[in-house]
Every structure is written in structure tokens, then in C-alpha cells.
Amino acid sequence: MRIKKGDTVIVITGKDKGKKGEVIKAMPKENRVIVEGVNVQTKHQKQTRTASSEIKHQEGPIHVSNVMLYDEKAKAGTRVGYKMDGDKKVRVAKKSGNVID
């Protein structure tokens, strides 16, 4: 999976198309990511002895194919490639050629 926690991504399809946000959590085994402010779901919290009932809004996971890495230089979504920088493998934005890591 080419998207990591902390990356800024843009949603390319679905109900939140065009929204930008930071990846909060990456789940490579399920090929899903949780993006800040995207796919917000409403959860009803039941009342307990210590906490009162409330309605929570939290982000749900979306498939990694529905997001693209946001390139600040190109001001658009970009694909991710890899290249060797000395003896280190680094991620590279395909649109602008910038090194991401």
C-alpha cells in the first residue's frame, strides 16, 4: 500500500469526492484508510453508570483505491512511485517528481 499514516490525501470518488484530509490510520491488510473529516458516521453511545448517552461523529474507513496522495507542488492528486536514493528506497510523486519521504 502506497499511502501511509500522516499523508495528506484527496478523495477521488464517492460521496466525499474532492475533500482533502490527513490519514489518521492505515490498515494495509484490509486495503483501507481512515481520513480526517471523510466518511463521517454517527454512532449512538448508550448510557452507562459513569457516562451519559451521546451521539458521536467519527470517521469510517474507506478503500485506499478511492484516495490519491495530494501533491502540494502540483496542487492535485498524484500517483506514487518508488526510486532508489543511494541505498534507500524513497516514495516519489509521479506528477511533480518530488520525494515524499
PDB file of N, CA and C in Angstrom:
ATOM      1  N   MET A   1       0.849  -1.177   0.000  1.00  0.00           N
ATOM      2  CA  MET A   1       0.000   0.000   0.000  1.00  0.00           C
ATOM      3  C   MET A   1       0.895   1.241   0.000  1.00  0.00           C
ATOM      4  N   ARG A   2       0.616   2.191  -0.860  1.00  0.00           N
ATOM      5  CA  ARG A   2       1.492   3.339  -1.059  1.00  0.00           C
ATOM      6  C   ARG A   2       1.122   4.547  -0.202  1.00  0.00           C
ATOM      7  N   ILE A   3       0.005   4.468   0.512  1.00  0.00           N
ATOM      8  CA  ILE A   3      -0.432   5.556   1.386  1.00  0.00           C
ATOM      9  C   ILE A   3      -0.087   5.174   2.822  1.00  0.00           C
ATOM     10  N   LYS A   4       0.475   6.131   3.573  1.00  0.00           N
ATOM     11  CA  LYS A   4       0.879   5.872   4.950  1.00  0.00           C
ATOM     12  C   LYS A   4       0.196   6.840   5.903  1.00  0.00           C
ATOM     13  N   LYS A   5       0.258   6.535   7.191  1.00  0.00           N
ATOM     14  CA  LYS A   5      -0.284   7.409   8.218  1.00  0.00           C
ATOM     15  C   LYS A   5       0.450   8.753   8.176  1.00  0.00           C
ATOM     16  N   GLY A   6      -0.309   9.835   8.238  1.00  0.00           N
ATOM     17  CA  GLY A   6       0.279  11.168   8.216  1.00  0.00           C
ATOM     18  C   GLY A   6       0.293  11.815   6.839  1.00  0.00           C
ATOM     19  N   ASP A   7       0.021  11.051   5.782  1.00  0.00           N
ATOM     20  CA  ASP A   7      -0.019  11.608   4.429  1.00  0.00           C
ATOM     21  C   ASP A   7      -1.278  12.451   4.241  1.00  0.00           C
ATOM     22  N   THR A   8      -1.176  13.497   3.431  1.00  0.00           N
ATOM     23  CA  THR A   8      -2.354  14.273   3.035  1.00  0.00           C
ATOM     24  C   THR A   8      -2.877  13.673   1.738  1.00  0.00           C
ATOM     25  N   VAL A   9      -4.157  13.310   1.741  1.00  0.00           N
ATOM     26  CA  VAL A   9      -4.756  12.671   0.567  1.00  0.00           C
ATOM     27  C   VAL A   9      -5.986  13.447   0.131  1.00  0.00           C
ATOM     28  N   ILE A  10      -6.392  13.206  -1.111  1.00  0.00           N
ATOM     29  CA  ILE A  10      -7.618  13.787  -1.651  1.00  0.00           C
ATOM     30  C   ILE A  10      -8.504  12.632  -2.102  1.00  0.00           C
ATOM     31  N   VAL A  11      -9.806  12.728  -1.801  1.00  0.00           N
ATOM     32  CA  VAL A  11     -10.756  11.675  -2.165  1.00  0.00           C
ATOM     33  C   VAL A  11     -11.134  11.865  -3.629  1.00  0.00           C
ATOM     34  N   ILE A  12     -11.032  10.797  -4.427  1.00  0.00           N
ATOM     35  CA  ILE A  12     -11.272  10.914  -5.865  1.00  0.00           C
ATOM     36  C   ILE A  12     -12.625  10.368  -6.304  1.00  0.00           C
ATOM     37  N   THR A  13     -13.313   9.654  -5.428  1.00  0.00           N
ATOM     38  CA  THR A  13     -14.630   9.135  -5.792  1.00  0.00           C
ATOM     39  C   THR A  13     -15.475   8.925  -4.539  1.00  0.00           C
ATOM     40  N   GLY A  14     -16.785   8.896  -4.715  1.00  0.00           N
ATOM     41  CA  GLY A  14     -17.702   8.667  -3.603  1.00  0.00           C
ATOM     42  C   GLY A  14     -18.366   9.939  -3.137  1.00  0.00           C
ATOM     43  N   LYS A  15     -19.080   9.842  -2.019  1.00  0.00           N
ATOM     44  CA  LYS A  15     -19.870  10.969  -1.526  1.00  0.00           C
ATOM     45  C   LYS A  15     -19.007  12.130  -1.029  1.00  0.00           C
ATOM     46  N   ASP A  16     -17.756  11.862  -0.661  1.00  0.00           N
ATOM     47  CA  ASP A  16     -16.856  12.901  -0.170  1.00  0.00           C
ATOM     48  C   ASP A  16     -15.825  13.318  -1.216  1.00  0.00           C
ATOM     49  N   LYS A  17     -16.145  13.149  -2.492  1.00  0.00           N
ATOM     50  CA  LYS A  17     -15.215  13.457  -3.586  1.00  0.00           C
ATOM     51  C   LYS A  17     -14.729  14.904  -3.499  1.00  0.00           C
ATOM     52  N   GLY A  18     -13.415  15.087  -3.619  1.00  0.00           N
ATOM     53  CA  GLY A  18     -12.825  16.417  -3.591  1.00  0.00           C
ATOM     54  C   GLY A  18     -12.333  16.861  -2.238  1.00  0.00           C
ATOM     55  N   LYS A  19     -12.671  16.142  -1.169  1.00  0.00           N
ATOM     56  CA  LYS A  19     -12.239  16.526   0.167  1.00  0.00           C
ATOM     57  C   LYS A  19     -10.790  16.111   0.392  1.00  0.00           C
ATOM     58  N   LYS A  20     -10.057  16.977   1.101  1.00  0.00           N
ATOM     59  CA  LYS A  20      -8.678  16.677   1.473  1.00  0.00           C
ATOM     60  C   LYS A  20      -8.624  16.421   2.963  1.00  0.00           C
ATOM     61  N   GLY A  21      -7.701  15.567   3.385  1.00  0.00           N
ATOM     62  CA  GLY A  21      -7.515  15.310   4.800  1.00  0.00           C
ATOM     63  C   GLY A  21      -6.277  14.480   5.047  1.00  0.00           C
ATOM     64  N   GLU A  22      -5.913  14.404   6.313  1.00  0.00           N
ATOM     65  CA  GLU A  22      -4.740  13.640   6.712  1.00  0.00           C
ATOM     66  C   GLU A  22      -5.153  12.224   7.078  1.00  0.00           C
ATOM     67  N   VAL A  23      -4.321  11.255   6.726  1.00  0.00           N
ATOM     68  CA  VAL A  23      -4.592   9.862   7.054  1.00  0.00           C
ATOM     69  C   VAL A  23      -4.341   9.670   8.548  1.00  0.00           C
ATOM     70  N   ILE A  24      -5.389   9.267   9.278  1.00  0.00           N
ATOM     71  CA  ILE A  24      -5.290   9.026  10.715  1.00  0.00           C
ATOM     72  C   ILE A  24      -4.757   7.624  10.972  1.00  0.00           C
ATOM     73  N   LYS A  25      -5.246   6.663  10.181  1.00  0.00           N
ATOM     74  CA  LYS A  25      -4.866   5.271  10.374  1.00  0.00           C
ATOM     75  C   LYS A  25      -4.850   4.563   9.030  1.00  0.00           C
ATOM     76  N   ALA A  26      -3.829   3.743   8.816  1.00  0.00           N
ATOM     77  CA  ALA A  26      -3.729   2.938   7.600  1.00  0.00           C
ATOM     78  C   ALA A  26      -3.864   1.469   7.987  1.00  0.00           C
ATOM     79  N   MET A  27      -4.704   0.740   7.259  1.00  0.00           N
ATOM     80  CA  MET A  27      -4.918  -0.690   7.528  1.00  0.00           C
ATOM     81  C   MET A  27      -4.542  -1.475   6.280  1.00  0.00           C
ATOM     82  N   PRO A  28      -3.256  -1.829   6.107  1.00  0.00           N
ATOM     83  CA  PRO A  28      -2.806  -2.461   4.873  1.00  0.00           C
ATOM     84  C   PRO A  28      -3.403  -3.841   4.605  1.00  0.00           C
ATOM     85  N   LYS A  29      -3.725  -4.597   5.656  1.00  0.00           N
ATOM     86  CA  LYS A  29      -4.300  -5.935   5.437  1.00  0.00           C
ATOM     87  C   LYS A  29      -5.681  -5.858   4.815  1.00  0.00           C
ATOM     88  N   GLU A  30      -6.450  -4.822   5.167  1.00  0.00           N
ATOM     89  CA  GLU A  30      -7.797  -4.645   4.609  1.00  0.00           C
ATOM     90  C   GLU A  30      -7.806  -3.692   3.412  1.00  0.00           C
ATOM     91  N   ASN A  31      -6.653  -3.097   3.063  1.00  0.00           N
ATOM     92  CA  ASN A  31      -6.537  -2.093   1.996  1.00  0.00           C
ATOM     93  C   ASN A  31      -7.462  -0.907   2.250  1.00  0.00           C
ATOM     94  N   ARG A  32      -7.505  -0.433   3.489  1.00  0.00           N
ATOM     95  CA  ARG A  32      -8.368   0.681   3.858  1.00  0.00           C
ATOM     96  C   ARG A  32      -7.590   1.726   4.647  1.00  0.00           C
ATOM     97  N   VAL A  33      -8.082   2.961   4.590  1.00  0.00           N
ATOM     98  CA  VAL A  33      -7.502   4.056   5.367  1.00  0.00           C
ATOM     99  C   VAL A  33      -8.626   4.833   6.038  1.00  0.00           C
ATOM    100  N   ILE A  34      -8.296   5.479   7.161  1.00  0.00           N
ATOM    101  CA  ILE A  34      -9.231   6.380   7.826  1.00  0.00           C
ATOM    102  C   ILE A  34      -8.666   7.784   7.650  1.00  0.00           C
ATOM    103  N   VAL A  35      -9.470   8.646   7.005  1.00  0.00           N
ATOM    104  CA  VAL A  35      -9.038  10.003   6.678  1.00  0.00           C
ATOM    105  C   VAL A  35      -9.829  10.985   7.524  1.00  0.00           C
ATOM    106  N   GLU A  36      -9.140  12.002   8.038  1.00  0.00           N
ATOM    107  CA  GLU A  36      -9.741  13.015   8.892  1.00  0.00           C
ATOM    108  C   GLU A  36     -10.822  13.790   8.144  1.00  0.00           C
ATOM    109  N   GLY A  37     -12.057  13.774   8.660  1.00  0.00           N
ATOM    110  CA  GLY A  37     -13.163  14.533   8.075  1.00  0.00           C
ATOM    111  C   GLY A  37     -13.854  13.877   6.897  1.00  0.00           C
ATOM    112  N   VAL A  38     -13.510  12.630   6.576  1.00  0.00           N
ATOM    113  CA  VAL A  38     -14.077  11.929   5.428  1.00  0.00           C
ATOM    114  C   VAL A  38     -14.832  10.696   5.920  1.00  0.00           C
ATOM    115  N   ASN A  39     -15.983  10.411   5.298  1.00  0.00           N
ATOM    116  CA  ASN A  39     -16.830   9.267   5.660  1.00  0.00           C
ATOM    117  C   ASN A  39     -17.211   9.318   7.142  1.00  0.00           C
ATOM    118  N   VAL A  40     -17.738  10.460   7.573  1.00  0.00           N
ATOM    119  CA  VAL A  40     -18.123  10.654   8.969  1.00  0.00           C
ATOM    120  C   VAL A  40     -19.417   9.897   9.238  1.00  0.00           C
ATOM    121  N   GLN A  41     -19.376   9.059  10.272  1.00  0.00           N
ATOM    122  CA  GLN A  41     -20.523   8.235  10.638  1.00  0.00           C
ATOM    123  C   GLN A  41     -21.035   8.647  12.008  1.00  0.00           C
ATOM    124  N   THR A  42     -22.328   8.463  12.237  1.00  0.00           N
ATOM    125  CA  THR A  42     -22.955   8.804  13.504  1.00  0.00           C
ATOM    126  C   THR A  42     -23.087   7.543  14.348  1.00  0.00           C
ATOM    127  N   LYS A  43     -22.564   7.591  15.552  1.00  0.00           N
ATOM    128  CA  LYS A  43     -22.655   6.464  16.481  1.00  0.00           C
ATOM    129  C   LYS A  43     -23.403   6.926  17.727  1.00  0.00           C
ATOM    130  N   HIS A  44     -24.378   6.123  18.155  1.00  0.00           N
ATOM    131  CA  HIS A  44     -25.134   6.430  19.360  1.00  0.00           C
ATOM    132  C   HIS A  44     -24.508   5.677  20.527  1.00  0.00           C
ATOM    133  N   GLN A  45     -24.060   6.429  21.543  1.00  0.00           N
ATOM    134  CA  GLN A  45     -23.434   5.835  22.725  1.00  0.00           C
ATOM    135  C   GLN A  45     -24.494   5.639  23.797  1.00  0.00           C
ATOM    136  N   LYS A  46     -24.640   4.414  24.254  1.00  0.00           N
ATOM    137  CA  LYS A  46     -25.623   4.105  25.273  1.00  0.00           C
ATOM    138  C   LYS A  46     -25.170   4.634  26.632  1.00  0.00           C
ATOM    139  N   GLN A  47     -26.122   4.960  27.482  1.00  0.00           N
ATOM    140  CA  GLN A  47     -25.795   5.483  28.807  1.00  0.00           C
ATOM    141  C   GLN A  47     -25.271   4.375  29.701  1.00  0.00           C
ATOM    142  N   THR A  48     -24.235   4.703  30.479  1.00  0.00           N
ATOM    143  CA  THR A  48     -23.702   3.769  31.473  1.00  0.00           C
ATOM    144  C   THR A  48     -23.750   4.451  32.832  1.00  0.00           C
ATOM    145  N   ARG A  49     -23.259   3.765  33.859  1.00  0.00           N
ATOM    146  CA  ARG A  49     -23.277   4.368  35.200  1.00  0.00           C
ATOM    147  C   ARG A  49     -22.363   5.586  35.279  1.00  0.00           C
ATOM    148  N   THR A  50     -21.263   5.548  34.547  1.00  0.00           N
ATOM    149  CA  THR A  50     -20.283   6.634  34.645  1.00  0.00           C
ATOM    150  C   THR A  50     -20.455   7.695  33.554  1.00  0.00           C
ATOM    151  N   ALA A  51     -20.968   7.330  32.383  1.00  0.00           N
ATOM    152  CA  ALA A  51     -21.071   8.274  31.273  1.00  0.00           C
ATOM    153  C   ALA A  51     -22.511   8.395  30.802  1.00  0.00           C
ATOM    154  N   SER A  52     -22.873   9.609  30.388  1.00  0.00           N
ATOM    155  CA  SER A  52     -24.228   9.816  29.878  1.00  0.00           C
ATOM    156  C   SER A  52     -24.286   9.435  28.399  1.00  0.00           C
ATOM    157  N   SER A  53     -25.496   9.303  27.898  1.00  0.00           N
ATOM    158  CA  SER A  53     -25.664   8.934  26.488  1.00  0.00           C
ATOM    159  C   SER A  53     -25.307  10.136  25.609  1.00  0.00           C
ATOM    160  N   GLU A  54     -24.784   9.840  24.424  1.00  0.00           N
ATOM    161  CA  GLU A  54     -24.410  10.902  23.496  1.00  0.00           C
ATOM    162  C   GLU A  54     -24.381  10.367  22.076  1.00  0.00           C
ATOM    163  N   ILE A  55     -24.367  11.288  21.132  1.00  0.00           N
ATOM    164  CA  ILE A  55     -24.230  10.936  19.718  1.00  0.00           C
ATOM    165  C   ILE A  55     -22.833  11.353  19.277  1.00  0.00           C
ATOM    166  N   LYS A  56     -22.056  10.369  18.851  1.00  0.00           N
ATOM    167  CA  LYS A  56     -20.673  10.632  18.439  1.00  0.00           C
ATOM    168  C   LYS A  56     -20.577  10.638  16.927  1.00  0.00           C
ATOM    169  N   HIS A  57     -19.711  11.494  16.402  1.00  0.00           N
ATOM    170  CA  HIS A  57     -19.423  11.526  14.972  1.00  0.00           C
ATOM    171  C   HIS A  57     -17.971  11.105  14.804  1.00  0.00           C
ATOM    172  N   GLN A  58     -17.756   9.998  14.077  1.00  0.00           N
ATOM    173  CA  GLN A  58     -16.392   9.524  13.872  1.00  0.00           C
ATOM    174  C   GLN A  58     -16.191   9.090  12.434  1.00  0.00           C
ATOM    175  N   GLU A  59     -14.931   9.135  12.001  1.00  0.00           N
ATOM    176  CA  GLU A  59     -14.586   8.783  10.634  1.00  0.00           C
ATOM    177  C   GLU A  59     -14.587   7.273  10.463  1.00  0.00           C
ATOM    178  N   GLY A  60     -15.120   6.826   9.329  1.00  0.00           N
ATOM    179  CA  GLY A  60     -15.102   5.408   8.998  1.00  0.00           C
ATOM    180  C   GLY A  60     -14.025   5.124   7.968  1.00  0.00           C
ATOM    181  N   PRO A  61     -13.662   3.856   7.814  1.00  0.00           N
ATOM    182  CA  PRO A  61     -12.629   3.519   6.834  1.00  0.00           C
ATOM    183  C   PRO A  61     -13.145   3.590   5.402  1.00  0.00           C
ATOM    184  N   ILE A  62     -12.272   3.979   4.473  1.00  0.00           N
ATOM    185  CA  ILE A  62     -12.587   3.951   3.053  1.00  0.00           C
ATOM    186  C   ILE A  62     -11.486   3.192   2.325  1.00  0.00           C
ATOM    187  N   HIS A  63     -11.818   2.658   1.181  1.00  0.00           N
ATOM    188  CA  HIS A  63     -10.850   1.852   0.427  1.00  0.00           C
ATOM    189  C   HIS A  63      -9.745   2.748  -0.111  1.00  0.00           C
ATOM    190  N   VAL A  64      -8.544   2.222  -0.105  1.00  0.00           N
ATOM    191  CA  VAL A  64      -7.369   3.001  -0.499  1.00  0.00           C
ATOM    192  C   VAL A  64      -7.408   3.386  -1.978  1.00  0.00           C
ATOM    193  N   SER A  65      -8.155   2.658  -2.802  1.00  0.00           N
ATOM    194  CA  SER A  65      -8.259   2.999  -4.222  1.00  0.00           C
ATOM    195  C   SER A  65      -9.104   4.246  -4.448  1.00  0.00           C
ATOM    196  N   ASN A  66      -9.833   4.694  -3.430  1.00  0.00           N
ATOM    197  CA  ASN A  66     -10.675   5.882  -3.558  1.00  0.00           C
ATOM    198  C   ASN A  66      -9.975   7.166  -3.146  1.00  0.00           C
ATOM    199  N   VAL A  67      -8.693   7.073  -2.783  1.00  0.00           N
ATOM    200  CA  VAL A  67      -7.930   8.263  -2.410  1.00  0.00           C
ATOM    201  C   VAL A  67      -6.629   8.327  -3.211  1.00  0.00           C
ATOM    202  N   MET A  68      -6.122   9.554  -3.381  1.00  0.00           N
ATOM    203  CA  MET A  68      -4.825   9.783  -4.023  1.00  0.00           C
ATOM    204  C   MET A  68      -4.007  10.683  -3.122  1.00  0.00           C
ATOM    205  N   LEU A  69      -2.709  10.494  -3.151  1.00  0.00           N
ATOM    206  CA  LEU A  69      -1.811  11.357  -2.399  1.00  0.00           C
ATOM    207  C   LEU A  69      -1.906  12.771  -2.957  1.00  0.00           C
ATOM    208  N   TYR A  70      -2.030  13.778  -2.078  1.00  0.00           N
ATOM    209  CA  TYR A  70      -2.143  15.171  -2.513  1.00  0.00           C
ATOM    210  C   TYR A  70      -0.747  15.768  -2.619  1.00  0.00           C
ATOM    211  N   ASP A  71      -0.437  16.296  -3.794  1.00  0.00           N
ATOM    212  CA  ASP A  71       0.869  16.893  -4.054  1.00  0.00           C
ATOM    213  C   ASP A  71       0.757  18.409  -3.906  1.00  0.00           C
ATOM    214  N   GLU A  72       1.481  18.986  -2.933  1.00  0.00           N
ATOM    215  CA  GLU A  72       1.422  20.427  -2.675  1.00  0.00           C
ATOM    216  C   GLU A  72       1.958  21.238  -3.851  1.00  0.00           C
ATOM    217  N   LYS A  73       2.976  20.737  -4.524  1.00  0.00           N
ATOM    218  CA  LYS A  73       3.583  21.476  -5.633  1.00  0.00           C
ATOM    219  C   LYS A  73       2.633  21.529  -6.832  1.00  0.00           C
ATOM    220  N   ALA A  74       1.987  20.400  -7.156  1.00  0.00           N
ATOM    221  CA  ALA A  74       1.076  20.348  -8.299  1.00  0.00           C
ATOM    222  C   ALA A  74      -0.338  20.783  -7.933  1.00  0.00           C
ATOM    223  N   LYS A  75      -0.631  20.902  -6.636  1.00  0.00           N
ATOM    224  CA  LYS A  75      -1.971  21.258  -6.131  1.00  0.00           C
ATOM    225  C   LYS A  75      -3.046  20.303  -6.656  1.00  0.00           C
ATOM    226  N   ALA A  76      -2.707  19.012  -6.724  1.00  0.00           N
ATOM    227  CA  ALA A  76      -3.646  17.996  -7.216  1.00  0.00           C
ATOM    228  C   ALA A  76      -3.226  16.636  -6.689  1.00  0.00           C
ATOM    229  N   GLY A  77      -4.067  15.644  -6.939  1.00  0.00           N
ATOM    230  CA  GLY A  77      -3.738  14.282  -6.570  1.00  0.00           C
ATOM    231  C   GLY A  77      -2.678  13.727  -7.501  1.00  0.00           C
ATOM    232  N   THR A  78      -1.862  12.827  -6.972  1.00  0.00           N
ATOM    233  CA  THR A  78      -0.786  12.252  -7.771  1.00  0.00           C
ATOM    234  C   THR A  78      -0.598  10.782  -7.423  1.00  0.00           C
ATOM    235  N   ARG A  79      -0.093  10.044  -8.406  1.00  0.00           N
ATOM    236  CA  ARG A  79       0.254   8.656  -8.147  1.00  0.00           C
ATOM    237  C   ARG A  79       1.607   8.607  -7.439  1.00  0.00           C
ATOM    238  N   VAL A  80       1.893   7.481  -6.821  1.00  0.00           N
ATOM    239  CA  VAL A  80       3.125   7.330  -6.052  1.00  0.00           C
ATOM    240  C   VAL A  80       4.009   6.292  -6.719  1.00  0.00           C
ATOM    241  N   GLY A  81       5.272   6.641  -6.890  1.00  0.00           N
ATOM    242  CA  GLY A  81       6.257   5.707  -7.412  1.00  0.00           C
ATOM    243  C   GLY A  81       7.394   5.572  -6.425  1.00  0.00           C
ATOM    244  N   TYR A  82       8.321   4.679  -6.720  1.00  0.00           N
ATOM    245  CA  TYR A  82       9.472   4.463  -5.856  1.00  0.00           C
ATOM    246  C   TYR A  82      10.743   4.623  -6.668  1.00  0.00           C
ATOM    247  N   LYS A  83      11.798   5.108  -6.011  1.00  0.00           N
ATOM    248  CA  LYS A  83      13.111   5.130  -6.646  1.00  0.00           C
ATOM    249  C   LYS A  83      14.169   4.971  -5.552  1.00  0.00           C
ATOM    250  N   MET A  84      15.345   4.583  -5.971  1.00  0.00           N
ATOM    251  CA  MET A  84      16.437   4.394  -5.036  1.00  0.00           C
ATOM    252  C   MET A  84      17.200   5.712  -4.893  1.00  0.00           C
ATOM    253  N   ASP A  85      17.376   6.154  -3.655  1.00  0.00           N
ATOM    254  CA  ASP A  85      18.151   7.346  -3.348  1.00  0.00           C
ATOM    255  C   ASP A  85      19.384   6.887  -2.567  1.00  0.00           C
ATOM    256  N   GLY A  86      20.443   6.576  -3.305  1.00  0.00           N
ATOM    257  CA  GLY A  86      21.608   5.956  -2.680  1.00  0.00           C
ATOM    258  C   GLY A  86      21.283   4.504  -2.390  1.00  0.00           C
ATOM    259  N   ASP A  87      21.246   4.153  -1.116  1.00  0.00           N
ATOM    260  CA  ASP A  87      20.868   2.786  -0.740  1.00  0.00           C
ATOM    261  C   ASP A  87      19.499   2.747  -0.067  1.00  0.00           C
ATOM    262  N   LYS A  88      18.765   3.875  -0.146  1.00  0.00           N
ATOM    263  CA  LYS A  88      17.436   3.975   0.455  1.00  0.00           C
ATOM    264  C   LYS A  88      16.362   4.015  -0.609  1.00  0.00           C
ATOM    265  N   LYS A  89      15.254   3.311  -0.348  1.00  0.00           N
ATOM    266  CA  LYS A  89      14.105   3.337  -1.242  1.00  0.00           C
ATOM    267  C   LYS A  89      13.165   4.441  -0.772  1.00  0.00           C
ATOM    268  N   VAL A  90      12.847   5.402  -1.656  1.00  0.00           N
ATOM    269  CA  VAL A  90      12.004   6.537  -1.273  1.00  0.00           C
ATOM    270  C   VAL A  90      10.784   6.619  -2.181  1.00  0.00           C
ATOM    271  N   ARG A  91       9.705   7.207  -1.640  1.00  0.00           N
ATOM    272  CA  ARG A  91       8.494   7.425  -2.429  1.00  0.00           C
ATOM    273  C   ARG A  91       8.628   8.723  -3.212  1.00  0.00           C
ATOM    274  N   VAL A  92       8.108   8.719  -4.438  1.00  0.00           N
ATOM    275  CA  VAL A  92       8.212   9.864  -5.331  1.00  0.00           C
ATOM    276  C   VAL A  92       6.837  10.165  -5.924  1.00  0.00           C
ATOM    277  N   ALA A  93       6.468  11.460  -5.966  1.00  0.00           N
ATOM    278  CA  ALA A  93       5.222  11.887  -6.605  1.00  0.00           C
ATOM    279  C   ALA A  93       5.428  11.845  -8.110  1.00  0.00           C
ATOM    280  N   LYS A  94       4.546  11.155  -8.832  1.00  0.00           N
ATOM    281  CA  LYS A  94       4.698  10.997 -10.278  1.00  0.00           C
ATOM    282  C   LYS A  94       4.473  12.314 -11.020  1.00  0.00           C
ATOM    283  N   LYS A  95       3.587  13.180 -10.523  1.00  0.00           N
ATOM    284  CA  LYS A  95       3.251  14.411 -11.236  1.00  0.00           C
ATOM    285  C   LYS A  95       4.383  15.427 -11.203  1.00  0.00           C
ATOM    286  N   SER A  96       4.949  15.651 -10.019  1.00  0.00           N
ATOM    287  CA  SER A  96       5.965  16.692  -9.879  1.00  0.00           C
ATOM    288  C   SER A  96       7.383  16.150  -9.733  1.00  0.00           C
ATOM    289  N   GLY A  97       7.514  14.879  -9.387  1.00  0.00           N
ATOM    290  CA  GLY A  97       8.841  14.298  -9.187  1.00  0.00           C
ATOM    291  C   GLY A  97       9.421  14.549  -7.810  1.00  0.00           C
ATOM    292  N   ASN A  98       8.645  15.147  -6.903  1.00  0.00           N
ATOM    293  CA  ASN A  98       9.118  15.420  -5.547  1.00  0.00           C
ATOM    294  C   ASN A  98       9.284  14.138  -4.752  1.00  0.00           C
ATOM    295  N   VAL A  99      10.290  14.110  -3.885  1.00  0.00           N
ATOM    296  CA  VAL A  99      10.467  12.990  -2.955  1.00  0.00           C
ATOM    297  C   VAL A  99       9.529  13.220  -1.781  1.00  0.00           C
ATOM    298  N   ILE A 100       8.721  12.217  -1.433  1.00  0.00           N
ATOM    299  CA  ILE A 100       7.709  12.359  -0.384  1.00  0.00           C
ATOM    300  C   ILE A 100       8.303  12.108   0.995  1.00  0.00           C
ATOM    301  N   ASP A 101       9.069  11.046   1.136  1.00  0.00           N
ATOM    302  CA  ASP A 101       9.652  10.707   2.455  1.00  0.00           C
ATOM    303  C   ASP A 101      10.935  11.464   2.680  1.00  0.00           C
TER     304      ASP A 101
END
